[in-house]
């Protein structure tokens, strides 16, 4: 499958810097939501870039390293649980994506985002459902964001070992929910996602 269909279309229209944006961590009960914005060179493609969910953890780590090495520009942002609770996860995700784009050292000519998100930015944009599997640029962003967030959750697992963050990355696994019932919530839990156990 050609993952450069959207990028080629934009290159033909005269765009030079095409930015892919994706988020990781909208659904978990704990931890931040993370967004990555990347501008990749489109004449030197990294084989194997795909939706991060389709790849093994090891493969993601190898690819993330290659992406960060080759990227023309990359910026990663995180929004903490307290802000997620304050403004809701949809708004937190939109803000996270906007901050990731605005943090790039090069202003993109065009932004491709995963899903159906419209962002509050002045740069032309297009959202693509399942974009992480259909666009090379979004796929690259999804891998970088996933590896970055998984690392955060592994670090949080050292502080809060009973919740199993190193394996469930904050999602509501059986072990995680049992730990919430027994030990209560931590400062990294999203209160708006865990009301039934409060």
N, C-alpha and C. Protein backbone atom coordinates (compact mmCIF):
# COMPACT_ATOMS: atom_id res chain seq x y z
N UNK A 1 0.85 -1.20 0.00
CA UNK A 1 0.00 0.00 0.00
C UNK A 1 0.89 1.25 0.00
N UNK A 2 0.56 2.19 -0.85
CA UNK A 2 1.34 3.43 -0.96
C UNK A 2 0.97 4.38 0.18
N UNK A 3 1.91 4.60 1.09
CA UNK A 3 1.65 5.47 2.24
C UNK A 3 2.04 6.93 1.96
N UNK A 4 2.35 7.22 0.70
CA UNK A 4 2.74 8.60 0.37
C UNK A 4 1.71 9.29 -0.54
N UNK A 5 0.53 8.71 -0.63
CA UNK A 5 -0.52 9.26 -1.51
C UNK A 5 -0.82 10.72 -1.13
N UNK A 6 -1.08 10.96 0.16
CA UNK A 6 -1.44 12.31 0.61
C UNK A 6 -0.25 13.27 0.48
N UNK A 7 0.94 12.76 0.83
CA UNK A 7 2.13 13.60 0.75
C UNK A 7 2.45 14.00 -0.70
N UNK A 8 2.33 13.05 -1.62
CA UNK A 8 2.63 13.34 -3.04
C UNK A 8 1.68 14.41 -3.60
N UNK A 9 0.43 14.27 -3.22
CA UNK A 9 -0.59 15.23 -3.65
C UNK A 9 -0.20 16.65 -3.20
N UNK A 10 0.31 16.75 -1.97
CA UNK A 10 0.70 18.05 -1.42
C UNK A 10 2.00 18.56 -2.06
N UNK A 11 2.93 17.64 -2.31
CA UNK A 11 4.18 18.02 -2.98
C UNK A 11 3.90 18.60 -4.36
N UNK A 12 2.95 17.97 -5.06
CA UNK A 12 2.57 18.44 -6.41
C UNK A 12 1.95 19.84 -6.37
N UNK A 13 1.36 20.17 -5.21
CA UNK A 13 0.75 21.50 -5.06
C UNK A 13 1.78 22.54 -4.58
N UNK A 14 3.02 22.10 -4.43
CA UNK A 14 4.07 23.04 -4.06
C UNK A 14 4.45 23.07 -2.59
N UNK A 15 3.85 22.18 -1.79
CA UNK A 15 4.22 22.12 -0.37
C UNK A 15 5.60 21.47 -0.24
N UNK A 16 6.41 22.01 0.65
CA UNK A 16 7.74 21.45 0.88
C UNK A 16 7.80 20.72 2.22
N UNK A 17 7.35 21.41 3.27
CA UNK A 17 7.41 20.83 4.62
C UNK A 17 6.02 20.32 5.02
N UNK A 18 5.85 19.00 4.97
CA UNK A 18 4.57 18.37 5.31
C UNK A 18 4.71 17.71 6.68
N UNK A 19 3.85 18.12 7.59
CA UNK A 19 3.94 17.65 8.98
C UNK A 19 2.87 16.61 9.26
N UNK A 20 3.28 15.49 9.85
CA UNK A 20 2.34 14.48 10.33
C UNK A 20 2.19 14.63 11.83
N UNK A 21 0.96 14.52 12.33
CA UNK A 21 0.71 14.65 13.77
C UNK A 21 -0.17 13.50 14.25
N UNK A 22 0.19 12.93 15.39
CA UNK A 22 -0.66 11.90 15.99
C UNK A 22 -0.55 11.96 17.51
N UNK A 23 -1.58 11.40 18.16
CA UNK A 23 -1.60 11.37 19.62
C UNK A 23 -1.60 9.93 20.12
N UNK A 24 -1.16 9.77 21.34
CA UNK A 24 -1.22 8.47 22.01
C UNK A 24 -1.70 8.72 23.44
N UNK A 25 -2.62 7.88 23.89
CA UNK A 25 -3.04 7.96 25.29
C UNK A 25 -4.32 8.72 25.55
N UNK A 26 -5.26 8.66 24.62
CA UNK A 26 -6.55 9.31 24.88
C UNK A 26 -7.40 8.48 25.84
N UNK A 27 -7.28 7.15 25.76
CA UNK A 27 -8.18 6.28 26.51
C UNK A 27 -7.76 5.84 27.90
N UNK A 28 -6.48 5.90 28.28
CA UNK A 28 -6.07 5.37 29.59
C UNK A 28 -6.67 6.10 30.79
N UNK A 29 -6.66 5.40 31.92
CA UNK A 29 -7.16 5.97 33.18
C UNK A 29 -6.09 6.82 33.86
N UNK A 30 -4.83 6.63 33.44
CA UNK A 30 -3.72 7.32 34.10
C UNK A 30 -2.68 7.74 33.07
N UNK A 31 -1.90 8.75 33.46
CA UNK A 31 -0.81 9.21 32.61
C UNK A 31 -1.23 10.31 31.66
N UNK A 32 -0.26 10.94 31.00
CA UNK A 32 -0.55 12.05 30.10
C UNK A 32 -1.05 11.59 28.74
N UNK A 33 -1.60 12.51 27.98
CA UNK A 33 -1.80 12.29 26.55
C UNK A 33 -0.57 12.90 25.89
N UNK A 34 -0.04 12.20 24.89
CA UNK A 34 1.20 12.63 24.23
C UNK A 34 0.95 12.80 22.74
N UNK A 35 1.49 13.88 22.17
CA UNK A 35 1.38 14.12 20.73
C UNK A 35 2.76 14.37 20.14
N UNK A 36 2.97 13.85 18.95
CA UNK A 36 4.21 14.12 18.22
C UNK A 36 3.87 14.77 16.89
N UNK A 37 4.66 15.75 16.51
CA UNK A 37 4.57 16.38 15.19
C UNK A 37 5.91 16.17 14.50
N UNK A 38 5.90 15.58 13.31
CA UNK A 38 7.16 15.33 12.61
C UNK A 38 7.07 15.77 11.15
N UNK A 39 8.18 16.32 10.68
CA UNK A 39 8.34 16.61 9.25
C UNK A 39 9.44 15.68 8.77
N UNK A 40 9.08 14.74 7.90
CA UNK A 40 10.03 13.74 7.42
C UNK A 40 10.54 14.08 6.01
N UNK A 41 11.81 13.73 5.70
CA UNK A 41 12.24 13.85 4.31
C UNK A 41 11.49 12.80 3.49
N UNK A 42 10.89 13.18 2.40
CA UNK A 42 10.04 12.26 1.63
C UNK A 42 10.78 11.61 0.47
N UNK A 43 12.10 11.89 0.38
CA UNK A 43 12.91 11.24 -0.65
C UNK A 43 13.83 10.18 -0.05
N UNK A 44 13.64 9.89 1.23
CA UNK A 44 14.48 8.91 1.92
C UNK A 44 13.62 8.18 2.95
N UNK A 45 12.76 7.29 2.45
CA UNK A 45 11.73 6.64 3.25
C UNK A 45 12.30 5.54 4.16
N UNK A 46 11.81 5.50 5.39
CA UNK A 46 12.19 4.45 6.34
C UNK A 46 11.21 3.29 6.16
N UNK A 47 11.72 2.13 5.82
CA UNK A 47 10.87 0.95 5.63
C UNK A 47 10.24 0.52 6.96
N UNK A 48 8.98 0.11 6.91
CA UNK A 48 8.32 -0.45 8.09
C UNK A 48 7.50 0.54 8.89
N UNK A 49 7.52 1.83 8.52
CA UNK A 49 6.71 2.82 9.25
C UNK A 49 5.24 2.54 9.00
N UNK A 50 4.47 2.43 10.10
CA UNK A 50 3.06 2.04 10.03
C UNK A 50 2.37 2.55 11.28
N UNK A 51 1.09 2.28 11.38
CA UNK A 51 0.34 2.54 12.60
C UNK A 51 1.08 1.86 13.75
N UNK A 52 1.44 2.64 14.79
CA UNK A 52 2.25 2.11 15.89
C UNK A 52 1.60 0.89 16.57
N UNK A 53 0.27 0.82 16.54
CA UNK A 53 -0.44 -0.29 17.21
C UNK A 53 -0.20 -1.62 16.51
N UNK A 54 0.21 -1.58 15.24
CA UNK A 54 0.45 -2.82 14.48
C UNK A 54 1.87 -3.37 14.69
N UNK A 55 2.71 -2.62 15.39
CA UNK A 55 4.12 -2.99 15.53
C UNK A 55 4.44 -3.49 16.93
N UNK A 56 5.46 -4.33 17.03
CA UNK A 56 5.90 -4.78 18.36
C UNK A 56 6.63 -3.63 19.05
N UNK A 57 6.75 -3.71 20.36
CA UNK A 57 7.44 -2.66 21.12
C UNK A 57 8.88 -2.49 20.63
N UNK A 58 9.55 -3.62 20.38
CA UNK A 58 10.96 -3.57 19.94
C UNK A 58 11.06 -2.87 18.58
N UNK A 59 10.16 -3.24 17.65
CA UNK A 59 10.15 -2.65 16.31
C UNK A 59 9.89 -1.14 16.38
N UNK A 60 8.95 -0.76 17.26
CA UNK A 60 8.64 0.66 17.44
C UNK A 60 9.87 1.44 17.92
N UNK A 61 10.59 0.86 18.87
CA UNK A 61 11.77 1.54 19.42
C UNK A 61 12.84 1.75 18.34
N UNK A 62 13.07 0.71 17.53
CA UNK A 62 14.06 0.81 16.45
C UNK A 62 13.65 1.88 15.45
N UNK A 63 12.36 1.84 15.05
CA UNK A 63 11.85 2.81 14.07
C UNK A 63 11.85 4.23 14.63
N UNK A 64 11.48 4.39 15.90
CA UNK A 64 11.45 5.72 16.52
C UNK A 64 12.83 6.36 16.47
N UNK A 65 13.84 5.57 16.77
CA UNK A 65 15.23 6.06 16.72
C UNK A 65 15.59 6.55 15.31
N UNK A 66 15.22 5.74 14.31
CA UNK A 66 15.51 6.10 12.91
C UNK A 66 14.75 7.37 12.50
N UNK A 67 13.50 7.45 12.92
CA UNK A 67 12.66 8.61 12.58
C UNK A 67 13.27 9.88 13.18
N UNK A 68 13.66 9.81 14.46
CA UNK A 68 14.22 10.99 15.12
C UNK A 68 15.56 11.40 14.50
N UNK A 69 16.32 10.41 14.02
CA UNK A 69 17.60 10.70 13.35
C UNK A 69 17.38 11.43 12.02
N UNK A 70 16.37 10.96 11.26
CA UNK A 70 16.15 11.48 9.90
C UNK A 70 15.23 12.69 9.81
N UNK A 71 14.41 12.89 10.83
CA UNK A 71 13.40 13.95 10.75
C UNK A 71 14.01 15.32 10.46
N UNK A 72 13.34 16.05 9.58
CA UNK A 72 13.71 17.44 9.29
C UNK A 72 13.41 18.27 10.55
N UNK A 73 12.29 17.94 11.19
CA UNK A 73 11.90 18.59 12.45
C UNK A 73 10.97 17.65 13.21
N UNK A 74 11.06 17.70 14.53
CA UNK A 74 10.18 16.88 15.36
C UNK A 74 9.98 17.57 16.70
N UNK A 75 8.75 17.54 17.19
CA UNK A 75 8.48 18.08 18.53
C UNK A 75 7.41 17.20 19.19
N UNK A 76 7.66 16.88 20.46
CA UNK A 76 6.74 16.03 21.23
C UNK A 76 6.18 16.85 22.39
N UNK A 77 4.87 16.72 22.61
CA UNK A 77 4.21 17.42 23.71
C UNK A 77 3.42 16.44 24.56
N UNK A 78 3.25 16.81 25.82
CA UNK A 78 2.40 16.00 26.72
C UNK A 78 1.48 16.92 27.50
N UNK A 79 0.28 16.43 27.76
CA UNK A 79 -0.67 17.16 28.60
C UNK A 79 -0.99 16.26 29.78
N UNK A 80 -0.80 16.80 30.98
CA UNK A 80 -0.93 15.99 32.20
C UNK A 80 -2.39 15.75 32.59
N UNK A 81 -2.62 14.72 33.43
CA UNK A 81 -3.99 14.36 33.84
C UNK A 81 -4.80 15.52 34.43
N UNK A 82 -4.15 16.40 35.19
CA UNK A 82 -4.87 17.52 35.82
C UNK A 82 -5.51 18.42 34.76
N UNK A 83 -4.79 18.66 33.67
CA UNK A 83 -5.33 19.50 32.59
C UNK A 83 -6.41 18.74 31.83
N UNK A 84 -6.20 17.44 31.62
CA UNK A 84 -7.21 16.59 30.96
C UNK A 84 -8.53 16.68 31.73
N UNK A 85 -8.43 16.59 33.07
CA UNK A 85 -9.63 16.66 33.92
C UNK A 85 -10.30 18.03 33.83
N UNK A 86 -9.48 19.05 33.68
CA UNK A 86 -9.97 20.43 33.66
C UNK A 86 -10.70 20.78 32.36
N UNK A 87 -10.10 20.36 31.21
CA UNK A 87 -10.66 20.82 29.92
C UNK A 87 -11.27 19.70 29.07
N UNK A 88 -11.20 18.48 29.50
CA UNK A 88 -11.67 17.23 28.89
C UNK A 88 -10.65 16.69 27.87
N UNK A 89 -10.73 15.42 27.60
CA UNK A 89 -9.70 14.74 26.81
C UNK A 89 -9.66 15.21 25.35
N UNK A 90 -10.81 15.53 24.79
CA UNK A 90 -10.83 16.00 23.39
C UNK A 90 -10.07 17.33 23.28
N UNK A 91 -10.40 18.27 24.16
CA UNK A 91 -9.72 19.57 24.12
C UNK A 91 -8.24 19.44 24.48
N UNK A 92 -7.93 18.55 25.40
CA UNK A 92 -6.53 18.32 25.79
C UNK A 92 -5.73 17.77 24.61
N UNK A 93 -6.36 16.86 23.84
CA UNK A 93 -5.69 16.29 22.67
C UNK A 93 -5.45 17.35 21.60
N UNK A 94 -6.47 18.17 21.37
CA UNK A 94 -6.33 19.25 20.37
C UNK A 94 -5.23 20.24 20.78
N UNK A 95 -5.19 20.57 22.06
CA UNK A 95 -4.17 21.49 22.56
C UNK A 95 -2.77 20.86 22.44
N UNK A 96 -2.69 19.58 22.76
CA UNK A 96 -1.42 18.85 22.69
C UNK A 96 -0.89 18.83 21.25
N UNK A 97 -1.77 18.56 20.30
CA UNK A 97 -1.38 18.54 18.88
C UNK A 97 -0.93 19.93 18.43
N UNK A 98 -1.68 20.95 18.83
CA UNK A 98 -1.35 22.34 18.47
C UNK A 98 0.03 22.71 19.03
N UNK A 99 0.27 22.38 20.29
CA UNK A 99 1.56 22.69 20.93
C UNK A 99 2.71 21.96 20.25
N UNK A 100 2.45 20.71 19.83
CA UNK A 100 3.50 19.93 19.15
C UNK A 100 3.87 20.59 17.83
N UNK A 101 2.86 21.04 17.08
CA UNK A 101 3.11 21.71 15.78
C UNK A 101 3.85 23.03 16.01
N UNK A 102 3.36 23.80 16.98
CA UNK A 102 3.96 25.12 17.23
C UNK A 102 5.38 25.03 17.79
N UNK A 103 5.74 23.87 18.33
CA UNK A 103 7.08 23.67 18.87
C UNK A 103 8.11 23.28 17.83
N UNK A 104 7.68 23.01 16.60
CA UNK A 104 8.62 22.62 15.53
C UNK A 104 9.55 23.78 15.19
N UNK A 105 10.79 23.46 14.89
CA UNK A 105 11.76 24.52 14.54
C UNK A 105 11.52 25.05 13.12
N UNK A 106 10.74 24.31 12.32
CA UNK A 106 10.37 24.74 10.97
C UNK A 106 8.85 24.82 10.90
N UNK A 107 8.32 25.89 10.36
CA UNK A 107 6.86 25.99 10.22
C UNK A 107 6.44 25.16 9.01
N UNK A 108 5.53 24.18 9.22
CA UNK A 108 5.09 23.35 8.08
C UNK A 108 4.27 24.14 7.06
N UNK A 109 4.29 23.66 5.82
CA UNK A 109 3.41 24.23 4.78
C UNK A 109 2.01 23.63 4.88
N UNK A 110 1.97 22.41 5.44
CA UNK A 110 0.69 21.70 5.53
C UNK A 110 0.79 20.69 6.68
N UNK A 111 -0.34 20.47 7.36
CA UNK A 111 -0.39 19.55 8.49
C UNK A 111 -1.40 18.43 8.21
N UNK A 112 -0.96 17.19 8.37
CA UNK A 112 -1.83 16.01 8.27
C UNK A 112 -2.01 15.44 9.68
N UNK A 113 -3.26 15.33 10.13
CA UNK A 113 -3.50 14.78 11.46
C UNK A 113 -4.29 13.48 11.38
N UNK A 114 -4.09 12.64 12.39
CA UNK A 114 -4.83 11.38 12.46
C UNK A 114 -6.22 11.62 13.05
N UNK A 115 -7.21 10.89 12.56
CA UNK A 115 -8.57 10.96 13.11
C UNK A 115 -9.42 11.98 12.40
N UNK A 116 -10.24 12.69 13.19
CA UNK A 116 -11.08 13.74 12.58
C UNK A 116 -11.00 15.00 13.43
N UNK A 117 -9.78 15.40 13.70
CA UNK A 117 -9.48 16.56 14.55
C UNK A 117 -9.31 17.82 13.72
N UNK A 118 -10.01 18.88 14.06
CA UNK A 118 -9.71 20.18 13.46
C UNK A 118 -8.97 20.98 14.51
N UNK A 119 -7.80 21.47 14.14
CA UNK A 119 -6.95 22.16 15.11
C UNK A 119 -7.02 23.68 14.93
N UNK A 120 -6.80 24.36 16.03
CA UNK A 120 -6.83 25.83 16.04
C UNK A 120 -5.45 26.35 15.62
N UNK A 121 -5.16 26.18 14.33
CA UNK A 121 -3.87 26.63 13.78
C UNK A 121 -4.12 27.39 12.48
N UNK A 122 -3.17 28.24 12.10
CA UNK A 122 -3.35 29.03 10.87
C UNK A 122 -2.81 28.29 9.64
N UNK A 123 -2.10 27.18 9.87
CA UNK A 123 -1.51 26.39 8.77
C UNK A 123 -2.61 25.53 8.14
N UNK A 124 -2.63 25.39 6.81
CA UNK A 124 -3.61 24.49 6.18
C UNK A 124 -3.48 23.07 6.74
N UNK A 125 -4.62 22.41 6.92
CA UNK A 125 -4.59 21.09 7.56
C UNK A 125 -5.62 20.16 6.94
N UNK A 126 -5.37 18.87 7.17
CA UNK A 126 -6.33 17.85 6.75
C UNK A 126 -6.26 16.70 7.75
N UNK A 127 -7.43 16.27 8.22
CA UNK A 127 -7.44 15.11 9.12
C UNK A 127 -7.84 13.87 8.32
N UNK A 128 -7.18 12.76 8.63
CA UNK A 128 -7.40 11.51 7.90
C UNK A 128 -7.74 10.41 8.89
N UNK A 129 -8.93 9.84 8.75
CA UNK A 129 -9.33 8.72 9.60
C UNK A 129 -8.41 7.53 9.30
N UNK A 130 -7.88 6.92 10.35
CA UNK A 130 -6.88 5.85 10.24
C UNK A 130 -5.61 6.34 9.52
N UNK A 131 -5.35 7.62 9.70
CA UNK A 131 -4.20 8.25 9.04
C UNK A 131 -2.87 7.64 9.41
N UNK A 132 -2.77 7.09 10.65
CA UNK A 132 -1.50 6.48 11.06
C UNK A 132 -1.16 5.25 10.22
N UNK A 133 -2.16 4.63 9.60
CA UNK A 133 -1.91 3.48 8.72
C UNK A 133 -1.87 3.89 7.25
N UNK A 134 -2.37 5.09 6.93
CA UNK A 134 -2.49 5.51 5.52
C UNK A 134 -1.46 6.54 5.08
N UNK A 135 -0.89 7.27 6.04
CA UNK A 135 0.07 8.33 5.71
C UNK A 135 1.40 8.06 6.38
N UNK A 136 2.46 8.13 5.61
CA UNK A 136 3.82 7.92 6.13
C UNK A 136 4.14 8.92 7.24
N UNK A 137 3.79 10.18 7.03
CA UNK A 137 4.11 11.24 8.01
C UNK A 137 3.36 11.03 9.33
N UNK A 138 2.08 10.68 9.24
CA UNK A 138 1.30 10.44 10.46
C UNK A 138 1.79 9.16 11.15
N UNK A 139 2.08 8.13 10.36
CA UNK A 139 2.61 6.88 10.92
C UNK A 139 3.89 7.11 11.71
N UNK A 140 4.78 7.94 11.16
CA UNK A 140 6.03 8.28 11.84
C UNK A 140 5.74 8.98 13.17
N UNK A 141 4.80 9.91 13.15
CA UNK A 141 4.42 10.64 14.37
C UNK A 141 3.83 9.69 15.41
N UNK A 142 3.02 8.72 14.95
CA UNK A 142 2.38 7.78 15.88
C UNK A 142 3.42 6.91 16.59
N UNK A 143 4.45 6.51 15.88
CA UNK A 143 5.51 5.67 16.46
C UNK A 143 6.30 6.46 17.51
N UNK A 144 6.69 7.68 17.16
CA UNK A 144 7.47 8.52 18.08
C UNK A 144 6.67 8.80 19.36
N UNK A 145 5.38 9.14 19.20
CA UNK A 145 4.53 9.45 20.36
C UNK A 145 4.34 8.22 21.25
N UNK A 146 4.13 7.06 20.64
CA UNK A 146 3.90 5.82 21.40
C UNK A 146 5.13 5.42 22.21
N UNK A 147 6.29 5.47 21.59
CA UNK A 147 7.54 5.09 22.28
C UNK A 147 7.80 6.06 23.44
N UNK A 148 7.57 7.34 23.19
CA UNK A 148 7.79 8.37 24.22
C UNK A 148 6.84 8.15 25.41
N UNK A 149 5.55 7.90 25.12
CA UNK A 149 4.59 7.72 26.21
C UNK A 149 4.84 6.43 26.98
N UNK A 150 5.18 5.35 26.27
CA UNK A 150 5.47 4.08 26.95
C UNK A 150 6.62 4.25 27.95
N UNK A 151 7.61 5.05 27.57
CA UNK A 151 8.76 5.30 28.45
C UNK A 151 8.30 6.05 29.71
N UNK A 152 7.42 7.03 29.54
CA UNK A 152 6.87 7.77 30.69
C UNK A 152 6.18 6.80 31.64
N UNK A 153 5.35 5.90 31.06
CA UNK A 153 4.57 4.98 31.89
C UNK A 153 5.47 3.96 32.61
N UNK A 154 6.55 3.56 31.97
CA UNK A 154 7.52 2.65 32.64
C UNK A 154 8.17 3.36 33.83
N UNK A 155 8.46 4.64 33.66
CA UNK A 155 9.05 5.42 34.76
C UNK A 155 8.03 5.59 35.90
N UNK A 156 6.75 5.81 35.55
CA UNK A 156 5.71 5.94 36.58
C UNK A 156 5.50 4.62 37.31
N UNK A 157 5.75 3.51 36.63
CA UNK A 157 5.61 2.18 37.25
C UNK A 157 6.61 1.99 38.38
N UNK A 158 7.75 2.66 38.28
CA UNK A 158 8.75 2.56 39.35
C UNK A 158 8.28 3.30 40.61
N UNK A 159 7.55 4.39 40.41
CA UNK A 159 7.01 5.15 41.55
C UNK A 159 5.76 4.50 42.12
N UNK A 160 4.93 3.94 41.23
CA UNK A 160 3.65 3.33 41.64
C UNK A 160 3.59 1.88 41.14
N UNK A 161 4.41 0.98 41.69
CA UNK A 161 4.53 -0.38 41.12
C UNK A 161 3.26 -1.22 41.14
N UNK A 162 2.37 -0.97 42.12
CA UNK A 162 1.20 -1.85 42.26
C UNK A 162 0.17 -1.72 41.13
N UNK A 163 0.26 -0.65 40.32
CA UNK A 163 -0.75 -0.41 39.28
C UNK A 163 -0.42 -1.06 37.94
N UNK A 164 0.79 -1.55 37.79
CA UNK A 164 1.17 -2.26 36.55
C UNK A 164 1.30 -1.38 35.33
N UNK A 165 1.70 -0.11 35.54
CA UNK A 165 1.81 0.84 34.42
C UNK A 165 2.82 0.39 33.35
N UNK A 166 3.79 -0.43 33.76
CA UNK A 166 4.81 -0.88 32.79
C UNK A 166 4.23 -1.81 31.74
N UNK A 167 3.11 -2.48 32.08
CA UNK A 167 2.48 -3.38 31.09
C UNK A 167 1.15 -2.83 30.55
N UNK A 168 0.36 -2.16 31.40
CA UNK A 168 -0.95 -1.67 30.91
C UNK A 168 -0.90 -0.22 30.40
N UNK A 169 0.26 0.43 30.54
CA UNK A 169 0.47 1.84 30.14
C UNK A 169 -0.69 2.78 30.53
N UNK A 170 -1.32 2.46 31.66
CA UNK A 170 -2.38 3.32 32.18
C UNK A 170 -3.79 2.91 31.82
N UNK A 171 -3.93 1.94 30.91
CA UNK A 171 -5.27 1.46 30.54
C UNK A 171 -5.88 0.65 31.69
N UNK A 172 -7.19 0.46 31.63
CA UNK A 172 -7.92 -0.18 32.73
C UNK A 172 -7.86 -1.69 32.73
N UNK A 173 -6.68 -2.24 32.89
CA UNK A 173 -6.53 -3.70 32.98
C UNK A 173 -7.10 -4.17 34.33
N UNK A 174 -7.27 -5.49 34.46
CA UNK A 174 -7.82 -6.07 35.69
C UNK A 174 -6.93 -5.70 36.88
N UNK A 175 -5.62 -5.88 36.69
CA UNK A 175 -4.66 -5.58 37.77
C UNK A 175 -4.74 -4.10 38.16
N UNK A 176 -4.84 -3.24 37.16
CA UNK A 176 -4.89 -1.79 37.40
C UNK A 176 -6.14 -1.42 38.21
N UNK A 177 -7.30 -1.93 37.80
CA UNK A 177 -8.56 -1.60 38.48
C UNK A 177 -8.57 -2.15 39.91
N UNK A 178 -8.04 -3.36 40.08
CA UNK A 178 -7.95 -3.94 41.43
C UNK A 178 -7.07 -3.07 42.33
N UNK A 179 -5.97 -2.56 41.77
CA UNK A 179 -5.05 -1.70 42.54
C UNK A 179 -5.73 -0.38 42.92
N UNK A 180 -6.55 0.16 42.01
CA UNK A 180 -7.29 1.39 42.33
C UNK A 180 -8.24 1.14 43.49
N UNK A 181 -8.95 0.00 43.44
CA UNK A 181 -9.90 -0.34 44.51
C UNK A 181 -9.19 -0.52 45.85
N UNK A 182 -8.02 -1.13 45.81
CA UNK A 182 -7.28 -1.40 47.05
C UNK A 182 -6.49 -0.20 47.57
N UNK A 183 -5.82 0.49 46.66
CA UNK A 183 -4.86 1.54 47.08
C UNK A 183 -5.34 2.96 46.79
N UNK A 184 -6.44 3.10 46.05
CA UNK A 184 -6.92 4.44 45.70
C UNK A 184 -6.21 5.00 44.47
N UNK A 185 -6.43 6.27 44.23
CA UNK A 185 -5.87 6.93 43.04
C UNK A 185 -4.54 7.61 43.36
N UNK A 186 -3.70 7.70 42.35
CA UNK A 186 -2.42 8.41 42.48
C UNK A 186 -2.57 9.80 41.86
N UNK A 187 -1.57 10.67 42.00
CA UNK A 187 -1.63 11.98 41.34
C UNK A 187 -1.61 11.88 39.81
N UNK A 188 -1.23 10.71 39.26
CA UNK A 188 -1.18 10.59 37.80
C UNK A 188 -2.46 9.98 37.22
N UNK A 189 -3.44 9.70 38.06
CA UNK A 189 -4.73 9.21 37.56
C UNK A 189 -5.61 10.37 37.09
N UNK A 190 -6.41 10.10 36.07
CA UNK A 190 -7.36 11.09 35.56
C UNK A 190 -8.65 10.94 36.36
N UNK A 191 -8.97 11.93 37.15
CA UNK A 191 -10.17 11.86 38.01
C UNK A 191 -11.44 11.74 37.17
N UNK A 192 -11.46 12.39 36.02
CA UNK A 192 -12.66 12.35 35.17
C UNK A 192 -12.86 10.98 34.51
N UNK A 193 -11.82 10.14 34.52
CA UNK A 193 -11.92 8.80 33.93
C UNK A 193 -12.16 7.72 35.00
N UNK A 194 -12.03 8.08 36.27
CA UNK A 194 -12.04 7.05 37.33
C UNK A 194 -13.11 7.33 38.38
N UNK A 195 -14.17 8.04 37.98
CA UNK A 195 -15.21 8.45 38.94
C UNK A 195 -15.85 7.27 39.67
N UNK A 196 -16.01 6.15 38.96
CA UNK A 196 -16.73 5.03 39.58
C UNK A 196 -15.96 4.39 40.74
N UNK A 197 -14.63 4.68 40.82
CA UNK A 197 -13.83 4.09 41.91
C UNK A 197 -13.44 5.11 42.97
N UNK A 198 -13.97 6.33 42.85
CA UNK A 198 -13.58 7.37 43.82
C UNK A 198 -14.48 7.33 45.03
